[in-house]
Amino acid sequence: MGRPRQFDPETAVDQAMEVFWRKGYAGTTPQDLVDALGIGKGSLYNAFGSKHALFERALRRYRDTQALRLVALFESEGPVKERLRAALELLVTLDLTDPDRRGCMAVNAAAELAGTDRATTELVREMFARTESALQALVEEGQRAGEIAPERNAACVGSLLLNTVVGLRVTARVAEGPESTHRTIRAVLDLL
């Protein structure tokens, strides 16, 4: 009879997410995970199978927590442009005040692994598609409310806004302050 697990796998996934988010996939060693989770290597592999399998679970956890928060910001109450501005500024503020300047785990995973890791590529593609769809819906709502020009192609604007989000998340990792990111936000909103 095997010994019972001495840790909570869901808590372990949360802890692993933080490590992968901070260090990236390649930069995270199995020892980093063992140290963060407070378990032995045998328990790590018995519970999750592999470092990559744990990374996939951590990326899904990121999607289910962090990425959905962004979509929730878009779906809040108030004028569309104001909600969009507030969401973008909040992202920048969170990124700039994060001592580790982690940025977005999905963006980081795309930059590190897209094209070489099919599972990660698909997960990130799904997250980006969900965000883009929420942005397109926000644009369509703004068009119905008369805030955004009706002749604008909502799908194209949704794509532009997704790329703005991704670019802001990368830029904020190295920015000295919020000035350039806030200029970008103002410029994009002026285009609408």
C-alpha atoms as a PDB file:
ATOM      1  CA  MET A   1       0.000   0.000   0.000  1.00  0.00           C
ATOM      2  CA  GLY A   2       1.466   3.334  -1.073  1.00  0.00           C
ATOM      3  CA  ARG A   3       1.874   6.296   1.216  1.00  0.00           C
ATOM      4  CA  PRO A   4      -0.847   8.958   0.959  1.00  0.00           C
ATOM      5  CA  ARG A   5       0.100  12.227  -0.669  1.00  0.00           C
ATOM      6  CA  GLN A   6       1.385  14.715   1.850  1.00  0.00           C
ATOM      7  CA  PHE A   7       0.441  17.754  -0.212  1.00  0.00           C
ATOM      8  CA  ASP A   8      -2.547  19.258  -1.957  1.00  0.00           C
ATOM      9  CA  PRO A   9      -2.081  18.936  -5.741  1.00  0.00           C
ATOM     10  CA  GLU A  10      -4.181  22.049  -6.448  1.00  0.00           C
ATOM     11  CA  THR A  11      -2.063  24.159  -4.111  1.00  0.00           C
ATOM     12  CA  ALA A  12       1.011  22.643  -5.739  1.00  0.00           C
ATOM     13  CA  VAL A  13      -0.232  23.758  -9.181  1.00  0.00           C
ATOM     14  CA  ASP A  14      -0.693  27.302  -7.841  1.00  0.00           C
ATOM     15  CA  GLN A  15       2.835  27.277  -6.449  1.00  0.00           C
ATOM     16  CA  ALA A  16       4.243  25.849  -9.681  1.00  0.00           C
ATOM     17  CA  MET A  17       2.402  28.532 -11.662  1.00  0.00           C
ATOM     18  CA  GLU A  18       4.228  31.205  -9.662  1.00  0.00           C
ATOM     19  CA  VAL A  19       7.611  29.575 -10.326  1.00  0.00           C
ATOM     20  CA  PHE A  20       7.010  29.090 -14.056  1.00  0.00           C
ATOM     21  CA  TRP A  21       5.575  32.602 -14.340  1.00  0.00           C
ATOM     22  CA  ARG A  22       8.648  34.106 -12.720  1.00  0.00           C
ATOM     23  CA  LYS A  23      11.353  31.926 -14.298  1.00  0.00           C
ATOM     24  CA  GLY A  24       9.825  30.642 -17.544  1.00  0.00           C
ATOM     25  CA  TYR A  25       9.645  27.035 -18.609  1.00  0.00           C
ATOM     26  CA  ALA A  26      13.294  26.511 -19.534  1.00  0.00           C
ATOM     27  CA  GLY A  27      14.523  28.538 -16.572  1.00  0.00           C
ATOM     28  CA  THR A  28      12.584  26.394 -14.086  1.00  0.00           C
ATOM     29  CA  THR A  29      14.388  23.295 -12.933  1.00  0.00           C
ATOM     30  CA  PRO A  30      12.777  20.294 -11.303  1.00  0.00           C
ATOM     31  CA  GLN A  31      14.668  21.297  -8.170  1.00  0.00           C
ATOM     32  CA  ASP A  32      13.036  24.755  -8.285  1.00  0.00           C
ATOM     33  CA  LEU A  33       9.661  23.030  -8.330  1.00  0.00           C
ATOM     34  CA  VAL A  34      10.578  20.613  -5.543  1.00  0.00           C
ATOM     35  CA  ASP A  35      11.760  23.539  -3.402  1.00  0.00           C
ATOM     36  CA  ALA A  36       8.671  25.665  -4.098  1.00  0.00           C
ATOM     37  CA  LEU A  37       6.208  22.832  -3.582  1.00  0.00           C
ATOM     38  CA  GLY A  38       8.004  21.384  -0.571  1.00  0.00           C
ATOM     39  CA  ILE A  39       7.861  17.828  -1.896  1.00  0.00           C
ATOM     40  CA  GLY A  40      10.363  15.251  -3.120  1.00  0.00           C
ATOM     41  CA  LYS A  41      11.149  14.683  -6.781  1.00  0.00           C
ATOM     42  CA  GLY A  42       9.441  11.296  -6.632  1.00  0.00           C
ATOM     43  CA  SER A  43       6.244  12.897  -5.367  1.00  0.00           C
ATOM     44  CA  LEU A  44       6.488  15.584  -8.047  1.00  0.00           C
ATOM     45  CA  TYR A  45       6.740  13.040 -10.848  1.00  0.00           C
ATOM     46  CA  ASN A  46       4.191  10.663  -9.302  1.00  0.00           C
ATOM     47  CA  ALA A  47       1.653  13.470  -8.969  1.00  0.00           C
ATOM     48  CA  PHE A  48       2.216  15.289 -12.266  1.00  0.00           C
ATOM     49  CA  GLY A  49       4.124  12.929 -14.553  1.00  0.00           C
ATOM     50  CA  SER A  50       6.664  15.430 -15.819  1.00  0.00           C
ATOM     51  CA  LYS A  51       7.824  19.012 -15.599  1.00  0.00           C
ATOM     52  CA  HIS A  52       6.009  19.702 -18.865  1.00  0.00           C
ATOM     53  CA  ALA A  53       2.736  18.203 -17.645  1.00  0.00           C
ATOM     54  CA  LEU A  54       2.941  20.388 -14.534  1.00  0.00           C
ATOM     55  CA  PHE A  55       3.703  23.409 -16.731  1.00  0.00           C
ATOM     56  CA  GLU A  56       0.577  22.729 -18.797  1.00  0.00           C
ATOM     57  CA  ARG A  57      -1.519  22.517 -15.637  1.00  0.00           C
ATOM     58  CA  ALA A  58       0.055  25.729 -14.347  1.00  0.00           C
ATOM     59  CA  LEU A  59      -0.668  27.494 -17.648  1.00  0.00           C
ATOM     60  CA  ARG A  60      -4.272  26.304 -17.495  1.00  0.00           C
ATOM     61  CA  ARG A  61      -4.497  27.597 -13.924  1.00  0.00           C
ATOM     62  CA  TYR A  62      -3.182  30.949 -15.157  1.00  0.00           C
ATOM     63  CA  ARG A  63      -5.861  30.924 -17.853  1.00  0.00           C
ATOM     64  CA  ASP A  64      -8.581  30.091 -15.363  1.00  0.00           C
ATOM     65  CA  THR A  65      -7.549  32.771 -12.872  1.00  0.00           C
ATOM     66  CA  GLN A  66      -5.489  35.592 -14.301  1.00  0.00           C
ATOM     67  CA  ALA A  67      -6.636  35.609 -17.931  1.00  0.00           C
ATOM     68  CA  LEU A  68     -10.318  35.421 -17.019  1.00  0.00           C
ATOM     69  CA  ARG A  69      -9.894  38.464 -14.755  1.00  0.00           C
ATOM     70  CA  LEU A  70      -9.000  40.521 -17.813  1.00  0.00           C
ATOM     71  CA  VAL A  71     -12.131  39.374 -19.628  1.00  0.00           C
ATOM     72  CA  ALA A  72     -14.175  40.213 -16.505  1.00  0.00           C
ATOM     73  CA  LEU A  73     -12.780  43.758 -16.570  1.00  0.00           C
ATOM     74  CA  PHE A  74     -14.025  44.155 -20.131  1.00  0.00           C
ATOM     75  CA  GLU A  75     -17.470  42.940 -19.116  1.00  0.00           C
ATOM     76  CA  SER A  76     -17.908  45.343 -16.182  1.00  0.00           C
ATOM     77  CA  GLU A  77     -20.353  48.279 -16.214  1.00  0.00           C
ATOM     78  CA  GLY A  78     -19.848  51.730 -17.704  1.00  0.00           C
ATOM     79  CA  PRO A  79     -18.867  53.341 -20.990  1.00  0.00           C
ATOM     80  CA  VAL A  80     -16.925  50.994 -23.251  1.00  0.00           C
ATOM     81  CA  LYS A  81     -13.918  53.226 -23.874  1.00  0.00           C
ATOM     82  CA  GLU A  82     -13.625  53.940 -20.154  1.00  0.00           C
ATOM     83  CA  ARG A  83     -13.736  50.221 -19.309  1.00  0.00           C
ATOM     84  CA  LEU A  84     -11.119  49.500 -21.937  1.00  0.00           C
ATOM     85  CA  ARG A  85      -8.887  52.323 -20.717  1.00  0.00           C
ATOM     86  CA  ALA A  86      -9.261  51.233 -17.095  1.00  0.00           C
ATOM     87  CA  ALA A  87      -8.472  47.590 -17.941  1.00  0.00           C
ATOM     88  CA  LEU A  88      -5.379  48.482 -19.977  1.00  0.00           C
ATOM     89  CA  GLU A  89      -4.114  50.903 -17.346  1.00  0.00           C
ATOM     90  CA  LEU A  90      -4.680  48.334 -14.620  1.00  0.00           C
ATOM     91  CA  LEU A  91      -2.636  45.761 -16.535  1.00  0.00           C
ATOM     92  CA  VAL A  92       0.205  48.226 -16.963  1.00  0.00           C
ATOM     93  CA  THR A  93       0.067  49.236 -13.301  1.00  0.00           C
ATOM     94  CA  LEU A  94       0.105  45.614 -12.154  1.00  0.00           C
ATOM     95  CA  ASP A  95       3.043  44.848 -14.431  1.00  0.00           C
ATOM     96  CA  LEU A  96       5.011  47.943 -13.421  1.00  0.00           C
ATOM     97  CA  THR A  97       4.495  47.377  -9.704  1.00  0.00           C
ATOM     98  CA  ASP A  98       5.329  43.661  -9.809  1.00  0.00           C
ATOM     99  CA  PRO A  99       8.819  43.411  -8.268  1.00  0.00           C
ATOM    100  CA  ASP A 100       9.655  40.479 -10.564  1.00  0.00           C
ATOM    101  CA  ARG A 101       8.206  42.162 -13.684  1.00  0.00           C
ATOM    102  CA  ARG A 102       6.713  38.831 -14.724  1.00  0.00           C
ATOM    103  CA  GLY A 103       4.343  40.281 -17.316  1.00  0.00           C
ATOM    104  CA  CYS A 104       1.743  37.895 -18.679  1.00  0.00           C
ATOM    105  CA  MET A 105       2.470  34.191 -18.311  1.00  0.00           C
ATOM    106  CA  ALA A 106       0.652  33.428 -21.579  1.00  0.00           C
ATOM    107  CA  VAL A 107       2.629  36.045 -23.502  1.00  0.00           C
ATOM    108  CA  ASN A 108       5.840  34.777 -21.917  1.00  0.00           C
ATOM    109  CA  ALA A 109       4.973  31.181 -22.834  1.00  0.00           C
ATOM    110  CA  ALA A 110       4.189  32.226 -26.418  1.00  0.00           C
ATOM    111  CA  ALA A 111       7.528  34.015 -26.738  1.00  0.00           C
ATOM    112  CA  GLU A 112       9.451  31.108 -25.231  1.00  0.00           C
ATOM    113  CA  LEU A 113       7.696  28.028 -26.595  1.00  0.00           C
ATOM    114  CA  ALA A 114       5.314  28.811 -29.464  1.00  0.00           C
ATOM    115  CA  GLY A 115       6.210  26.891 -32.563  1.00  0.00           C
ATOM    116  CA  THR A 116       8.302  24.352 -30.656  1.00  0.00           C
ATOM    117  CA  ASP A 117       5.763  23.103 -28.115  1.00  0.00           C
ATOM    118  CA  ARG A 118       2.411  22.184 -29.612  1.00  0.00           C
ATOM    119  CA  ALA A 119       0.491  21.885 -26.321  1.00  0.00           C
ATOM    120  CA  THR A 120       1.676  25.276 -25.089  1.00  0.00           C
ATOM    121  CA  THR A 121       1.005  26.862 -28.466  1.00  0.00           C
ATOM    122  CA  GLU A 122      -2.574  25.574 -28.420  1.00  0.00           C
ATOM    123  CA  LEU A 123      -3.195  26.717 -24.843  1.00  0.00           C
ATOM    124  CA  VAL A 124      -1.903  30.207 -25.543  1.00  0.00           C
ATOM    125  CA  ARG A 125      -3.783  30.368 -28.850  1.00  0.00           C
ATOM    126  CA  GLU A 126      -7.004  29.516 -26.987  1.00  0.00           C
ATOM    127  CA  MET A 127      -6.333  32.202 -24.355  1.00  0.00           C
ATOM    128  CA  PHE A 128      -5.592  34.820 -26.991  1.00  0.00           C
ATOM    129  CA  ALA A 129      -8.710  33.838 -28.957  1.00  0.00           C
ATOM    130  CA  ARG A 130     -10.868  34.163 -25.836  1.00  0.00           C
ATOM    131  CA  THR A 131      -9.421  37.598 -25.085  1.00  0.00           C
ATOM    132  CA  GLU A 132      -9.793  38.729 -28.694  1.00  0.00           C
ATOM    133  CA  SER A 133     -13.407  37.560 -28.747  1.00  0.00           C
ATOM    134  CA  ALA A 134     -14.129  39.518 -25.550  1.00  0.00           C
ATOM    135  CA  LEU A 135     -12.489  42.594 -27.077  1.00  0.00           C
ATOM    136  CA  GLN A 136     -14.506  42.243 -30.261  1.00  0.00           C
ATOM    137  CA  ALA A 137     -17.701  41.972 -28.209  1.00  0.00           C
ATOM    138  CA  LEU A 138     -16.666  45.112 -26.313  1.00  0.00           C
ATOM    139  CA  VAL A 139     -16.122  46.968 -29.604  1.00  0.00           C
ATOM    140  CA  GLU A 140     -19.519  45.826 -30.891  1.00  0.00           C
ATOM    141  CA  GLU A 141     -21.118  47.035 -27.667  1.00  0.00           C
ATOM    142  CA  GLY A 142     -19.359  50.375 -28.111  1.00  0.00           C
ATOM    143  CA  GLN A 143     -20.648  50.593 -31.668  1.00  0.00           C
ATOM    144  CA  ARG A 144     -24.226  49.933 -30.541  1.00  0.00           C
ATOM    145  CA  ALA A 145     -23.843  52.625 -27.863  1.00  0.00           C
ATOM    146  CA  GLY A 146     -22.424  55.142 -30.344  1.00  0.00           C
ATOM    147  CA  GLU A 147     -19.019  55.293 -28.630  1.00  0.00           C
ATOM    148  CA  ILE A 148     -17.098  53.585 -31.423  1.00  0.00           C
ATOM    149  CA  ALA A 149     -17.501  54.388 -35.107  1.00  0.00           C
ATOM    150  CA  PRO A 150     -19.925  51.893 -36.651  1.00  0.00           C
ATOM    151  CA  GLU A 151     -17.899  51.610 -39.870  1.00  0.00           C
ATOM    152  CA  ARG A 152     -14.966  50.074 -38.006  1.00  0.00           C
ATOM    153  CA  ASN A 153     -14.627  46.331 -38.505  1.00  0.00           C
ATOM    154  CA  ALA A 154     -15.142  44.995 -34.965  1.00  0.00           C
ATOM    155  CA  ALA A 155     -13.107  41.831 -35.622  1.00  0.00           C
ATOM    156  CA  CYS A 156     -10.162  43.861 -36.905  1.00  0.00           C
ATOM    157  CA  VAL A 157     -10.352  46.258 -33.968  1.00  0.00           C
ATOM    158  CA  GLY A 158     -10.522  43.275 -31.599  1.00  0.00           C
ATOM    159  CA  SER A 159      -7.313  41.957 -33.173  1.00  0.00           C
ATOM    160  CA  LEU A 160      -5.658  45.367 -32.850  1.00  0.00           C
ATOM    161  CA  LEU A 161      -6.657  45.551 -29.190  1.00  0.00           C
ATOM    162  CA  LEU A 162      -5.370  42.032 -28.475  1.00  0.00           C
ATOM    163  CA  ASN A 163      -2.024  42.979 -29.989  1.00  0.00           C
ATOM    164  CA  THR A 164      -2.064  46.158 -27.923  1.00  0.00           C
ATOM    165  CA  VAL A 165      -2.606  44.113 -24.759  1.00  0.00           C
ATOM    166  CA  VAL A 166       0.237  41.745 -25.692  1.00  0.00           C
ATOM    167  CA  GLY A 167       2.545  44.623 -26.575  1.00  0.00           C
ATOM    168  CA  LEU A 168       1.751  46.504 -23.374  1.00  0.00           C
ATOM    169  CA  ARG A 169       2.477  43.403 -21.299  1.00  0.00           C
ATOM    170  CA  VAL A 170       5.891  43.020 -22.951  1.00  0.00           C
ATOM    171  CA  THR A 171       6.728  46.737 -22.844  1.00  0.00           C
ATOM    172  CA  ALA A 172       5.806  47.031 -19.173  1.00  0.00           C
ATOM    173  CA  ARG A 173       8.381  44.358 -18.309  1.00  0.00           C
ATOM    174  CA  VAL A 174      11.183  46.761 -19.262  1.00  0.00           C
ATOM    175  CA  ALA A 175       9.592  50.216 -18.974  1.00  0.00           C
ATOM    176  CA  GLU A 176      11.093  52.658 -16.493  1.00  0.00           C
ATOM    177  CA  GLY A 177       7.682  54.145 -15.825  1.00  0.00           C
ATOM    178  CA  PRO A 178       4.135  54.295 -17.153  1.00  0.00           C
ATOM    179  CA  GLU A 179       4.585  57.197 -19.613  1.00  0.00           C
ATOM    180  CA  SER A 180       5.122  55.256 -22.857  1.00  0.00           C
ATOM    181  CA  THR A 181       2.510  52.628 -22.051  1.00  0.00           C
ATOM    182  CA  HIS A 182      -0.085  55.284 -21.199  1.00  0.00           C
ATOM    183  CA  ARG A 183       0.736  57.080 -24.473  1.00  0.00           C
ATOM    184  CA  THR A 184       0.029  53.834 -26.301  1.00  0.00           C
ATOM    185  CA  ILE A 185      -3.283  53.399 -24.495  1.00  0.00           C
ATOM    186  CA  ARG A 186      -4.358  56.949 -25.330  1.00  0.00           C
ATOM    187  CA  ALA A 187      -3.344  56.553 -28.977  1.00  0.00           C
ATOM    188  CA  VAL A 188      -5.232  53.286 -29.405  1.00  0.00           C
ATOM    189  CA  LEU A 189      -8.372  54.666 -27.775  1.00  0.00           C
ATOM    190  CA  ASP A 190      -8.176  57.759 -30.012  1.00  0.00           C
ATOM    191  CA  LEU A 191      -8.239  55.447 -33.051  1.00  0.00           C
ATOM    192  CA  LEU A 192     -11.598  54.074 -32.006  1.00  0.00           C
END
